[in-house]
């Protein structure tokens, strides 16, 4: 029973948070400052999800060249910067990660 109450409460909380923006700004124009801030949210969330995975290994920060995720992340970042192509960015990062992991298992 407690699990159902928690699920219902979380669902209502999520609904209220989302509906508040619709109720507040549904018939009004969003202020320019808020628009600028909201444009940065997706990049901030992606950064917050990806960076800890790239920089940590075995629950510790690893900034060495032996960290395959760091190398793959740097390569993917450079490809993204140069090409601005999401597919190439993902492919290059994954290929470099797989190659680095394969090299580590051989050595």
PDB file of N, CA and C in Angstrom:
ATOM      1  N   UNK A   1       0.812  -1.203   0.000  1.00  0.00           N
ATOM      2  CA  UNK A   1       0.000   0.000   0.000  1.00  0.00           C
ATOM      3  C   UNK A   1       0.850   1.259   0.000  1.00  0.00           C
ATOM      4  N   UNK A   2       1.941   1.254   0.764  1.00  0.00           N
ATOM      5  CA  UNK A   2       2.811   2.425   0.817  1.00  0.00           C
ATOM      6  C   UNK A   2       3.438   2.734  -0.535  1.00  0.00           C
ATOM      7  N   UNK A   3       3.761   1.678  -1.293  1.00  0.00           N
ATOM      8  CA  UNK A   3       4.370   1.879  -2.615  1.00  0.00           C
ATOM      9  C   UNK A   3       3.395   2.606  -3.530  1.00  0.00           C
ATOM     10  N   UNK A   4       2.120   2.230  -3.469  1.00  0.00           N
ATOM     11  CA  UNK A   4       1.125   2.888  -4.306  1.00  0.00           C
ATOM     12  C   UNK A   4       0.932   4.349  -3.914  1.00  0.00           C
ATOM     13  N   UNK A   5       0.958   4.634  -2.649  1.00  0.00           N
ATOM     14  CA  UNK A   5       0.828   6.025  -2.208  1.00  0.00           C
ATOM     15  C   UNK A   5       2.014   6.859  -2.676  1.00  0.00           C
ATOM     16  N   UNK A   6       3.196   6.283  -2.615  1.00  0.00           N
ATOM     17  CA  UNK A   6       4.392   6.990  -3.080  1.00  0.00           C
ATOM     18  C   UNK A   6       4.301   7.236  -4.575  1.00  0.00           C
ATOM     19  N   UNK A   7       3.885   6.219  -5.341  1.00  0.00           N
ATOM     20  CA  UNK A   7       3.770   6.385  -6.794  1.00  0.00           C
ATOM     21  C   UNK A   7       2.733   7.444  -7.154  1.00  0.00           C
ATOM     22  N   UNK A   8       1.606   7.432  -6.454  1.00  0.00           N
ATOM     23  CA  UNK A   8       0.560   8.440  -6.718  1.00  0.00           C
ATOM     24  C   UNK A   8       1.061   9.834  -6.344  1.00  0.00           C
ATOM     25  N   UNK A   9       1.731   9.954  -5.208  1.00  0.00           N
ATOM     26  CA  UNK A   9       2.257  11.261  -4.783  1.00  0.00           C
ATOM     27  C   UNK A   9       3.297  11.778  -5.770  1.00  0.00           C
ATOM     28  N   UNK A  10       4.183  10.912  -6.224  1.00  0.00           N
ATOM     29  CA  UNK A  10       5.199  11.343  -7.197  1.00  0.00           C
ATOM     30  C   UNK A  10       4.553  11.733  -8.525  1.00  0.00           C
ATOM     31  N   UNK A  11       3.549  10.977  -8.949  1.00  0.00           N
ATOM     32  CA  UNK A  11       2.835  11.319 -10.181  1.00  0.00           C
ATOM     33  C   UNK A  11       2.148  12.663 -10.082  1.00  0.00           C
ATOM     34  N   UNK A  12       1.482  12.902  -8.953  1.00  0.00           N
ATOM     35  CA  UNK A  12       0.827  14.197  -8.746  1.00  0.00           C
ATOM     36  C   UNK A  12       1.844  15.334  -8.682  1.00  0.00           C
ATOM     37  N   UNK A  13       2.962  15.089  -8.011  1.00  0.00           N
ATOM     38  CA  UNK A  13       4.008  16.108  -7.946  1.00  0.00           C
ATOM     39  C   UNK A  13       4.541  16.463  -9.322  1.00  0.00           C
ATOM     40  N   UNK A  14       4.789  15.440 -10.134  1.00  0.00           N
ATOM     41  CA  UNK A  14       5.268  15.676 -11.498  1.00  0.00           C
ATOM     42  C   UNK A  14       4.236  16.447 -12.312  1.00  0.00           C
ATOM     43  N   UNK A  15       2.976  16.041 -12.191  1.00  0.00           N
ATOM     44  CA  UNK A  15       1.912  16.736 -12.914  1.00  0.00           C
ATOM     45  C   UNK A  15       1.824  18.197 -12.503  1.00  0.00           C
ATOM     46  N   UNK A  16       1.879  18.457 -11.212  1.00  0.00           N
ATOM     47  CA  UNK A  16       1.761  19.837 -10.717  1.00  0.00           C
ATOM     48  C   UNK A  16       2.919  20.692 -11.214  1.00  0.00           C
ATOM     49  N   UNK A  17       4.123  20.142 -11.191  1.00  0.00           N
ATOM     50  CA  UNK A  17       5.281  20.910 -11.666  1.00  0.00           C
ATOM     51  C   UNK A  17       5.126  21.247 -13.138  1.00  0.00           C
ATOM     52  N   UNK A  18       4.736  20.269 -13.949  1.00  0.00           N
ATOM     53  CA  UNK A  18       4.587  20.524 -15.390  1.00  0.00           C
ATOM     54  C   UNK A  18       3.404  21.430 -15.693  1.00  0.00           C
ATOM     55  N   UNK A  19       2.306  21.207 -15.001  1.00  0.00           N
ATOM     56  CA  UNK A  19       1.119  22.016 -15.249  1.00  0.00           C
ATOM     57  C   UNK A  19       1.314  23.466 -14.822  1.00  0.00           C
ATOM     58  N   UNK A  20       2.168  23.695 -13.821  1.00  0.00           N
ATOM     59  CA  UNK A  20       2.387  25.068 -13.355  1.00  0.00           C
ATOM     60  C   UNK A  20       2.931  25.950 -14.471  1.00  0.00           C
ATOM     61  N   UNK A  21       3.816  25.410 -15.309  1.00  0.00           N
ATOM     62  CA  UNK A  21       4.347  26.216 -16.413  1.00  0.00           C
ATOM     63  C   UNK A  21       3.258  26.495 -17.448  1.00  0.00           C
ATOM     64  N   UNK A  22       2.409  25.515 -17.688  1.00  0.00           N
ATOM     65  CA  UNK A  22       1.321  25.731 -18.646  1.00  0.00           C
ATOM     66  C   UNK A  22       0.352  26.764 -18.094  1.00  0.00           C
ATOM     67  N   UNK A  23       0.031  26.659 -16.819  1.00  0.00           N
ATOM     68  CA  UNK A  23      -0.917  27.597 -16.213  1.00  0.00           C
ATOM     69  C   UNK A  23      -0.338  29.012 -16.148  1.00  0.00           C
ATOM     70  N   UNK A  24       0.956  29.110 -15.834  1.00  0.00           N
ATOM     71  CA  UNK A  24       1.571  30.432 -15.705  1.00  0.00           C
ATOM     72  C   UNK A  24       1.816  31.093 -17.055  1.00  0.00           C
ATOM     73  N   UNK A  25       2.273  30.323 -18.031  1.00  0.00           N
ATOM     74  CA  UNK A  25       2.718  30.925 -19.291  1.00  0.00           C
ATOM     75  C   UNK A  25       1.900  30.473 -20.493  1.00  0.00           C
ATOM     76  N   UNK A  26       0.756  29.811 -20.256  1.00  0.00           N
ATOM     77  CA  UNK A  26      -0.064  29.319 -21.362  1.00  0.00           C
ATOM     78  C   UNK A  26      -0.626  30.427 -22.235  1.00  0.00           C
ATOM     79  N   UNK A  27      -1.029  31.506 -21.618  1.00  0.00           N
ATOM     80  CA  UNK A  27      -1.652  32.598 -22.368  1.00  0.00           C
ATOM     81  C   UNK A  27      -0.794  33.850 -22.381  1.00  0.00           C
ATOM     82  N   UNK A  28       0.397  33.742 -21.805  1.00  0.00           N
ATOM     83  CA  UNK A  28       1.307  34.899 -21.768  1.00  0.00           C
ATOM     84  C   UNK A  28       2.575  34.562 -22.526  1.00  0.00           C
ATOM     85  N   UNK A  29       3.276  35.591 -22.864  1.00  0.00           N
ATOM     86  CA  UNK A  29       4.584  35.395 -23.498  1.00  0.00           C
ATOM     87  C   UNK A  29       5.627  35.175 -22.404  1.00  0.00           C
ATOM     88  N   UNK A  30       6.491  34.206 -22.642  1.00  0.00           N
ATOM     89  CA  UNK A  30       7.544  33.905 -21.681  1.00  0.00           C
ATOM     90  C   UNK A  30       8.567  35.032 -21.724  1.00  0.00           C
ATOM     91  N   UNK A  31       8.976  35.557 -20.571  1.00  0.00           N
ATOM     92  CA  UNK A  31       9.969  36.636 -20.560  1.00  0.00           C
ATOM     93  C   UNK A  31      11.277  36.203 -21.244  1.00  0.00           C
ATOM     94  N   UNK A  32      11.943  37.124 -21.942  1.00  0.00           N
ATOM     95  CA  UNK A  32      13.164  36.777 -22.676  1.00  0.00           C
ATOM     96  C   UNK A  32      14.263  36.177 -21.792  1.00  0.00           C
ATOM     97  N   UNK A  33      14.411  36.664 -20.589  1.00  0.00           N
ATOM     98  CA  UNK A  33      15.436  36.129 -19.698  1.00  0.00           C
ATOM     99  C   UNK A  33      15.151  34.659 -19.362  1.00  0.00           C
ATOM    100  N   UNK A  34      13.892  34.335 -19.105  1.00  0.00           N
ATOM    101  CA  UNK A  34      13.514  32.950 -18.825  1.00  0.00           C
ATOM    102  C   UNK A  34      13.694  32.083 -20.061  1.00  0.00           C
ATOM    103  N   UNK A  35      13.380  32.615 -21.248  1.00  0.00           N
ATOM    104  CA  UNK A  35      13.596  31.871 -22.495  1.00  0.00           C
ATOM    105  C   UNK A  35      15.065  31.533 -22.675  1.00  0.00           C
ATOM    106  N   UNK A  36      15.929  32.512 -22.433  1.00  0.00           N
ATOM    107  CA  UNK A  36      17.373  32.255 -22.564  1.00  0.00           C
ATOM    108  C   UNK A  36      17.829  31.188 -21.596  1.00  0.00           C
ATOM    109  N   UNK A  37      17.351  31.252 -20.367  1.00  0.00           N
ATOM    110  CA  UNK A  37      17.731  30.260 -19.367  1.00  0.00           C
ATOM    111  C   UNK A  37      17.228  28.872 -19.706  1.00  0.00           C
ATOM    112  N   UNK A  38      15.996  28.788 -20.178  1.00  0.00           N
ATOM    113  CA  UNK A  38      15.422  27.485 -20.511  1.00  0.00           C
ATOM    114  C   UNK A  38      16.088  26.848 -21.732  1.00  0.00           C
ATOM    115  N   UNK A  39      16.634  27.656 -22.619  1.00  0.00           N
ATOM    116  CA  UNK A  39      17.346  27.113 -23.782  1.00  0.00           C
ATOM    117  C   UNK A  39      18.595  26.350 -23.374  1.00  0.00           C
ATOM    118  N   UNK A  40      19.150  26.673 -22.216  1.00  0.00           N
ATOM    119  CA  UNK A  40      20.381  26.030 -21.769  1.00  0.00           C
ATOM    120  C   UNK A  40      20.141  24.761 -20.954  1.00  0.00           C
ATOM    121  N   UNK A  41      18.903  24.485 -20.601  1.00  0.00           N
ATOM    122  CA  UNK A  41      18.594  23.329 -19.752  1.00  0.00           C
ATOM    123  C   UNK A  41      18.990  21.994 -20.396  1.00  0.00           C
ATOM    124  N   UNK A  42      18.648  21.713 -21.658  1.00  0.00           N
ATOM    125  CA  UNK A  42      19.025  20.404 -22.220  1.00  0.00           C
ATOM    126  C   UNK A  42      20.536  20.160 -22.212  1.00  0.00           C
ATOM    127  N   UNK A  43      21.307  21.160 -22.562  1.00  0.00           N
ATOM    128  CA  UNK A  43      22.765  20.992 -22.566  1.00  0.00           C
ATOM    129  C   UNK A  43      23.287  20.778 -21.152  1.00  0.00           C
ATOM    130  N   UNK A  44      22.718  21.472 -20.188  1.00  0.00           N
ATOM    131  CA  UNK A  44      23.145  21.312 -18.798  1.00  0.00           C
ATOM    132  C   UNK A  44      22.830  19.919 -18.268  1.00  0.00           C
ATOM    133  N   UNK A  45      21.663  19.415 -18.592  1.00  0.00           N
ATOM    134  CA  UNK A  45      21.274  18.073 -18.134  1.00  0.00           C
ATOM    135  C   UNK A  45      22.164  17.024 -18.777  1.00  0.00           C
ATOM    136  N   UNK A  46      22.412  17.151 -20.073  1.00  0.00           N
ATOM    137  CA  UNK A  46      23.295  16.200 -20.762  1.00  0.00           C
ATOM    138  C   UNK A  46      24.693  16.233 -20.160  1.00  0.00           C
ATOM    139  N   UNK A  47      25.196  17.415 -19.906  1.00  0.00           N
ATOM    140  CA  UNK A  47      26.515  17.568 -19.294  1.00  0.00           C
ATOM    141  C   UNK A  47      26.559  16.901 -17.925  1.00  0.00           C
ATOM    142  N   UNK A  48      25.520  17.115 -17.128  1.00  0.00           N
ATOM    143  CA  UNK A  48      25.474  16.534 -15.783  1.00  0.00           C
ATOM    144  C   UNK A  48      25.384  15.013 -15.810  1.00  0.00           C
ATOM    145  N   UNK A  49      24.806  14.448 -16.853  1.00  0.00           N
ATOM    146  CA  UNK A  49      24.714  12.996 -16.966  1.00  0.00           C
ATOM    147  C   UNK A  49      25.985  12.360 -17.518  1.00  0.00           C
ATOM    148  N   UNK A  50      26.630  13.027 -18.461  1.00  0.00           N
ATOM    149  CA  UNK A  50      27.752  12.428 -19.176  1.00  0.00           C
ATOM    150  C   UNK A  50      29.077  12.609 -18.449  1.00  0.00           C
ATOM    151  N   UNK A  51      29.361  13.770 -17.938  1.00  0.00           N
ATOM    152  CA  UNK A  51      30.679  14.072 -17.378  1.00  0.00           C
ATOM    153  C   UNK A  51      31.077  13.164 -16.215  1.00  0.00           C
ATOM    154  N   UNK A  52      30.201  12.867 -15.265  1.00  0.00           N
ATOM    155  CA  UNK A  52      30.629  11.945 -14.203  1.00  0.00           C
ATOM    156  C   UNK A  52      30.992  10.557 -14.735  1.00  0.00           C
ATOM    157  N   UNK A  53      30.314  10.113 -15.784  1.00  0.00           N
ATOM    158  CA  UNK A  53      30.632   8.810 -16.365  1.00  0.00           C
ATOM    159  C   UNK A  53      31.981   8.823 -17.074  1.00  0.00           C
ATOM    160  N   UNK A  54      32.335   9.951 -17.640  1.00  0.00           N
ATOM    161  CA  UNK A  54      33.608  10.054 -18.364  1.00  0.00           C
ATOM    162  C   UNK A  54      34.787  10.201 -17.403  1.00  0.00           C
ATOM    163  N   UNK A  55      34.612  10.974 -16.362  1.00  0.00           N
ATOM    164  CA  UNK A  55      35.740  11.317 -15.488  1.00  0.00           C
ATOM    165  C   UNK A  55      36.001  10.332 -14.351  1.00  0.00           C
ATOM    166  N   UNK A  56      35.057   9.441 -14.072  1.00  0.00           N
ATOM    167  CA  UNK A  56      35.265   8.524 -12.951  1.00  0.00           C
ATOM    168  C   UNK A  56      35.467   7.095 -13.426  1.00  0.00           C
ATOM    169  N   UNK A  57      36.305   6.401 -12.683  1.00  0.00           N
ATOM    170  CA  UNK A  57      36.530   4.977 -12.928  1.00  0.00           C
ATOM    171  C   UNK A  57      36.798   4.342 -11.568  1.00  0.00           C
ATOM    172  N   UNK A  58      36.103   3.265 -11.266  1.00  0.00           N
ATOM    173  CA  UNK A  58      36.205   2.595  -9.965  1.00  0.00           C
ATOM    174  C   UNK A  58      35.902   3.560  -8.820  1.00  0.00           C
ATOM    175  N   UNK A  59      34.879   4.372  -9.006  1.00  0.00           N
ATOM    176  CA  UNK A  59      34.411   5.319  -7.983  1.00  0.00           C
ATOM    177  C   UNK A  59      35.457   6.349  -7.568  1.00  0.00           C
ATOM    178  N   UNK A  60      36.359   6.681  -8.464  1.00  0.00           N
ATOM    179  CA  UNK A  60      37.361   7.717  -8.197  1.00  0.00           C
ATOM    180  C   UNK A  60      37.586   8.512  -9.484  1.00  0.00           C
ATOM    181  N   UNK A  61      37.929   9.761  -9.329  1.00  0.00           N
ATOM    182  CA  UNK A  61      38.222  10.595 -10.495  1.00  0.00           C
ATOM    183  C   UNK A  61      39.507  10.100 -11.142  1.00  0.00           C
ATOM    184  N   UNK A  62      39.437   9.860 -12.455  1.00  0.00           N
ATOM    185  CA  UNK A  62      40.595   9.357 -13.197  1.00  0.00           C
ATOM    186  C   UNK A  62      40.815  10.240 -14.420  1.00  0.00           C
ATOM    187  N   UNK A  63      41.796  11.108 -14.337  1.00  0.00           N
ATOM    188  CA  UNK A  63      42.104  12.024 -15.446  1.00  0.00           C
ATOM    189  C   UNK A  63      43.325  11.569 -16.239  1.00  0.00           C
ATOM    190  N   UNK A  64      43.685  10.298 -16.120  1.00  0.00           N
ATOM    191  CA  UNK A  64      44.874   9.795 -16.803  1.00  0.00           C
ATOM    192  C   UNK A  64      44.538   9.357 -18.228  1.00  0.00           C
ATOM    193  N   UNK A  65      45.578   9.179 -19.019  1.00  0.00           N
ATOM    194  CA  UNK A  65      45.393   8.718 -20.392  1.00  0.00           C
ATOM    195  C   UNK A  65      45.013   7.236 -20.457  1.00  0.00           C
ATOM    196  N   UNK A  66      45.038   6.549 -19.328  1.00  0.00           N
ATOM    197  CA  UNK A  66      44.617   5.152 -19.313  1.00  0.00           C
ATOM    198  C   UNK A  66      43.106   5.007 -19.106  1.00  0.00           C
ATOM    199  N   UNK A  67      42.398   6.115 -18.981  1.00  0.00           N
ATOM    200  CA  UNK A  67      40.941   6.106 -18.844  1.00  0.00           C
ATOM    201  C   UNK A  67      40.323   6.109 -20.244  1.00  0.00           C
ATOM    202  N   UNK A  68      39.784   4.974 -20.707  1.00  0.00           N
ATOM    203  CA  UNK A  68      39.257   4.914 -22.070  1.00  0.00           C
ATOM    204  C   UNK A  68      38.045   5.818 -22.288  1.00  0.00           C
ATOM    205  N   UNK A  69      37.236   6.014 -21.273  1.00  0.00           N
ATOM    206  CA  UNK A  69      36.069   6.881 -21.429  1.00  0.00           C
ATOM    207  C   UNK A  69      36.481   8.337 -21.601  1.00  0.00           C
ATOM    208  N   UNK A  70      37.523   8.744 -20.914  1.00  0.00           N
ATOM    209  CA  UNK A  70      38.011  10.113 -21.056  1.00  0.00           C
ATOM    210  C   UNK A  70      38.530  10.358 -22.466  1.00  0.00           C
ATOM    211  N   UNK A  71      39.325   9.420 -22.970  1.00  0.00           N
ATOM    212  CA  UNK A  71      39.863   9.558 -24.335  1.00  0.00           C
ATOM    213  C   UNK A  71      38.719   9.594 -25.346  1.00  0.00           C
ATOM    214  N   UNK A  72      37.745   8.670 -25.209  1.00  0.00           N
ATOM    215  CA  UNK A  72      36.609   8.633 -26.131  1.00  0.00           C
ATOM    216  C   UNK A  72      35.782   9.909 -26.025  1.00  0.00           C
ATOM    217  N   UNK A  73      35.615  10.426 -24.816  1.00  0.00           N
ATOM    218  CA  UNK A  73      34.866  11.666 -24.632  1.00  0.00           C
ATOM    219  C   UNK A  73      35.548  12.858 -25.268  1.00  0.00           C
ATOM    220  N   UNK A  74      36.870  12.915 -25.148  1.00  0.00           N
ATOM    221  CA  UNK A  74      37.619  14.014 -25.769  1.00  0.00           C
ATOM    222  C   UNK A  74      37.512  13.931 -27.300  1.00  0.00           C
ATOM    223  N   UNK A  75      37.659  12.722 -27.835  1.00  0.00           N
ATOM    224  CA  UNK A  75      37.543  12.544 -29.293  1.00  0.00           C
ATOM    225  C   UNK A  75      36.133  12.916 -29.754  1.00  0.00           C
ATOM    226  N   UNK A  76      35.119  12.454 -29.042  1.00  0.00           N
ATOM    227  CA  UNK A  76      33.739  12.788 -29.410  1.00  0.00           C
ATOM    228  C   UNK A  76      33.492  14.295 -29.314  1.00  0.00           C
ATOM    229  N   UNK A  77      34.052  14.934 -28.301  1.00  0.00           N
ATOM    230  CA  UNK A  77      33.906  16.379 -28.178  1.00  0.00           C
ATOM    231  C   UNK A  77      34.550  17.130 -29.333  1.00  0.00           C
ATOM    232  N   UNK A  78      35.726  16.662 -29.751  1.00  0.00           N
ATOM    233  CA  UNK A  78      36.397  17.309 -30.887  1.00  0.00           C
ATOM    234  C   UNK A  78      35.621  17.096 -32.178  1.00  0.00           C
ATOM    235  N   UNK A  79      35.086  15.892 -32.372  1.00  0.00           N
ATOM    236  CA  UNK A  79      34.287  15.628 -33.570  1.00  0.00           C
ATOM    237  C   UNK A  79      33.021  16.489 -33.555  1.00  0.00           C
ATOM    238  N   UNK A  80      32.381  16.609 -32.399  1.00  0.00           N
ATOM    239  CA  UNK A  80      31.184  17.446 -32.299  1.00  0.00           C
ATOM    240  C   UNK A  80      31.505  18.901 -32.602  1.00  0.00           C
ATOM    241  N   UNK A  81      32.618  19.365 -32.087  1.00  0.00           N
ATOM    242  CA  UNK A  81      33.009  20.757 -32.302  1.00  0.00           C
ATOM    243  C   UNK A  81      33.297  21.029 -33.782  1.00  0.00           C
ATOM    244  N   UNK A  82      33.994  20.091 -34.427  1.00  0.00           N
ATOM    245  CA  UNK A  82      34.386  20.318 -35.823  1.00  0.00           C
ATOM    246  C   UNK A  82      33.249  20.081 -36.807  1.00  0.00           C
ATOM    247  N   UNK A  83      32.433  19.024 -36.592  1.00  0.00           N
ATOM    248  CA  UNK A  83      31.437  18.650 -37.595  1.00  0.00           C
ATOM    249  C   UNK A  83      30.023  19.105 -37.261  1.00  0.00           C
ATOM    250  N   UNK A  84      29.733  19.281 -35.976  1.00  0.00           N
ATOM    251  CA  UNK A  84      28.383  19.607 -35.509  1.00  0.00           C
ATOM    252  C   UNK A  84      27.377  18.545 -35.972  1.00  0.00           C
ATOM    253  N   UNK A  85      27.838  17.295 -36.080  1.00  0.00           N
ATOM    254  CA  UNK A  85      27.020  16.182 -36.530  1.00  0.00           C
ATOM    255  C   UNK A  85      26.874  15.190 -35.374  1.00  0.00           C
ATOM    256  N   UNK A  86      25.645  14.991 -34.927  1.00  0.00           N
ATOM    257  CA  UNK A  86      25.395  14.140 -33.760  1.00  0.00           C
ATOM    258  C   UNK A  86      25.758  12.693 -34.045  1.00  0.00           C
ATOM    259  N   UNK A  87      25.406  12.197 -35.214  1.00  0.00           N
ATOM    260  CA  UNK A  87      25.673  10.790 -35.549  1.00  0.00           C
ATOM    261  C   UNK A  87      27.176  10.531 -35.592  1.00  0.00           C
ATOM    262  N   UNK A  88      27.925  11.397 -36.239  1.00  0.00           N
ATOM    263  CA  UNK A  88      29.383  11.231 -36.280  1.00  0.00           C
ATOM    264  C   UNK A  88      30.001  11.331 -34.892  1.00  0.00           C
ATOM    265  N   UNK A  89      29.456  12.197 -34.067  1.00  0.00           N
ATOM    266  CA  UNK A  89      29.957  12.345 -32.700  1.00  0.00           C
ATOM    267  C   UNK A  89      29.773  11.057 -31.917  1.00  0.00           C
ATOM    268  N   UNK A  90      28.577  10.496 -31.969  1.00  0.00           N
ATOM    269  CA  UNK A  90      28.294   9.257 -31.244  1.00  0.00           C
ATOM    270  C   UNK A  90      29.138   8.117 -31.788  1.00  0.00           C
ATOM    271  N   UNK A  91      29.194   7.986 -33.109  1.00  0.00           N
ATOM    272  CA  UNK A  91      29.968   6.897 -33.718  1.00  0.00           C
ATOM    273  C   UNK A  91      31.453   7.007 -33.377  1.00  0.00           C
ATOM    274  N   UNK A  92      31.998   8.189 -33.480  1.00  0.00           N
ATOM    275  CA  UNK A  92      33.430   8.340 -33.204  1.00  0.00           C
ATOM    276  C   UNK A  92      33.740   8.032 -31.741  1.00  0.00           C
ATOM    277  N   UNK A  93      32.897   8.507 -30.836  1.00  0.00           N
ATOM    278  CA  UNK A  93      33.108   8.233 -29.418  1.00  0.00           C
ATOM    279  C   UNK A  93      33.003   6.749 -29.105  1.00  0.00           C
ATOM    280  N   UNK A  94      32.015   6.087 -29.679  1.00  0.00           N
ATOM    281  CA  UNK A  94      31.838   4.654 -29.418  1.00  0.00           C
ATOM    282  C   UNK A  94      32.972   3.831 -30.023  1.00  0.00           C
ATOM    283  N   UNK A  95      33.388   4.165 -31.221  1.00  0.00           N
ATOM    284  CA  UNK A  95      34.482   3.418 -31.864  1.00  0.00           C
ATOM    285  C   UNK A  95      35.773   3.566 -31.065  1.00  0.00           C
ATOM    286  N   UNK A  96      36.077   4.779 -30.650  1.00  0.00           N
ATOM    287  CA  UNK A  96      37.292   4.995 -29.863  1.00  0.00           C
ATOM    288  C   UNK A  96      37.197   4.263 -28.519  1.00  0.00           C
ATOM    289  N   UNK A  97      36.026   4.291 -27.885  1.00  0.00           N
ATOM    290  CA  UNK A  97      35.856   3.584 -26.621  1.00  0.00           C
ATOM    291  C   UNK A  97      36.051   2.087 -26.806  1.00  0.00           C
ATOM    292  N   UNK A  98      35.445   1.513 -27.833  1.00  0.00           N
ATOM    293  CA  UNK A  98      35.595   0.076 -28.080  1.00  0.00           C
ATOM    294  C   UNK A  98      37.044  -0.291 -28.382  1.00  0.00           C
ATOM    295  N   UNK A  99      37.713   0.538 -29.171  1.00  0.00           N
ATOM    296  CA  UNK A  99      39.125   0.267 -29.480  1.00  0.00           C
ATOM    297  C   UNK A  99      39.988   0.348 -28.222  1.00  0.00           C
ATOM    298  N   UNK A 100      39.750   1.353 -27.404  1.00  0.00           N
ATOM    299  CA  UNK A 100      40.526   1.489 -26.173  1.00  0.00           C
ATOM    300  C   UNK A 100      40.274   0.314 -25.219  1.00  0.00           C
ATOM    301  N   UNK A 101      39.031  -0.119 -25.099  1.00  0.00           N
ATOM    302  CA  UNK A 101      38.716  -1.258 -24.241  1.00  0.00           C
ATOM    303  C   UNK A 101      39.326  -2.550 -24.785  1.00  0.00           C
ATOM    304  N   UNK A 102      39.317  -2.701 -26.118  1.00  0.00           N
ATOM    305  CA  UNK A 102      39.926  -3.880 -26.734  1.00  0.00           C
ATOM    306  C   UNK A 102      41.445  -3.884 -26.502  1.00  0.00           C
ATOM    307  N   UNK A 103      42.061  -2.718 -26.619  1.00  0.00           N
ATOM    308  CA  UNK A 103      43.507  -2.619 -26.373  1.00  0.00           C
ATOM    309  C   UNK A 103      43.842  -2.923 -24.925  1.00  0.00           C
ATOM    310  N   UNK A 104      43.008  -2.450 -24.007  1.00  0.00           N
ATOM    311  CA  UNK A 104      43.257  -2.724 -22.590  1.00  0.00           C
ATOM    312  C   UNK A 104      43.128  -4.208 -22.275  1.00  0.00           C
ATOM    313  N   UNK A 105      42.188  -4.888 -22.923  1.00  0.00           N
ATOM    314  CA  UNK A 105      42.013  -6.314 -22.628  1.00  0.00           C
ATOM    315  C   UNK A 105      43.144  -7.146 -23.232  1.00  0.00           C
ATOM    316  N   UNK A 106      43.733  -6.685 -24.325  1.00  0.00           N
ATOM    317  CA  UNK A 106      44.844  -7.413 -24.960  1.00  0.00           C
ATOM    318  C   UNK A 106      46.120  -7.207 -24.168  1.00  0.00           C
ATOM    319  N   UNK A 107      46.330  -5.976 -23.683  1.00  0.00           N
ATOM    320  CA  UNK A 107      47.555  -5.677 -22.954  1.00  0.00           C
ATOM    321  C   UNK A 107      47.385  -6.136 -21.568  1.00  0.00           C
TER     322      UNK A 107
END
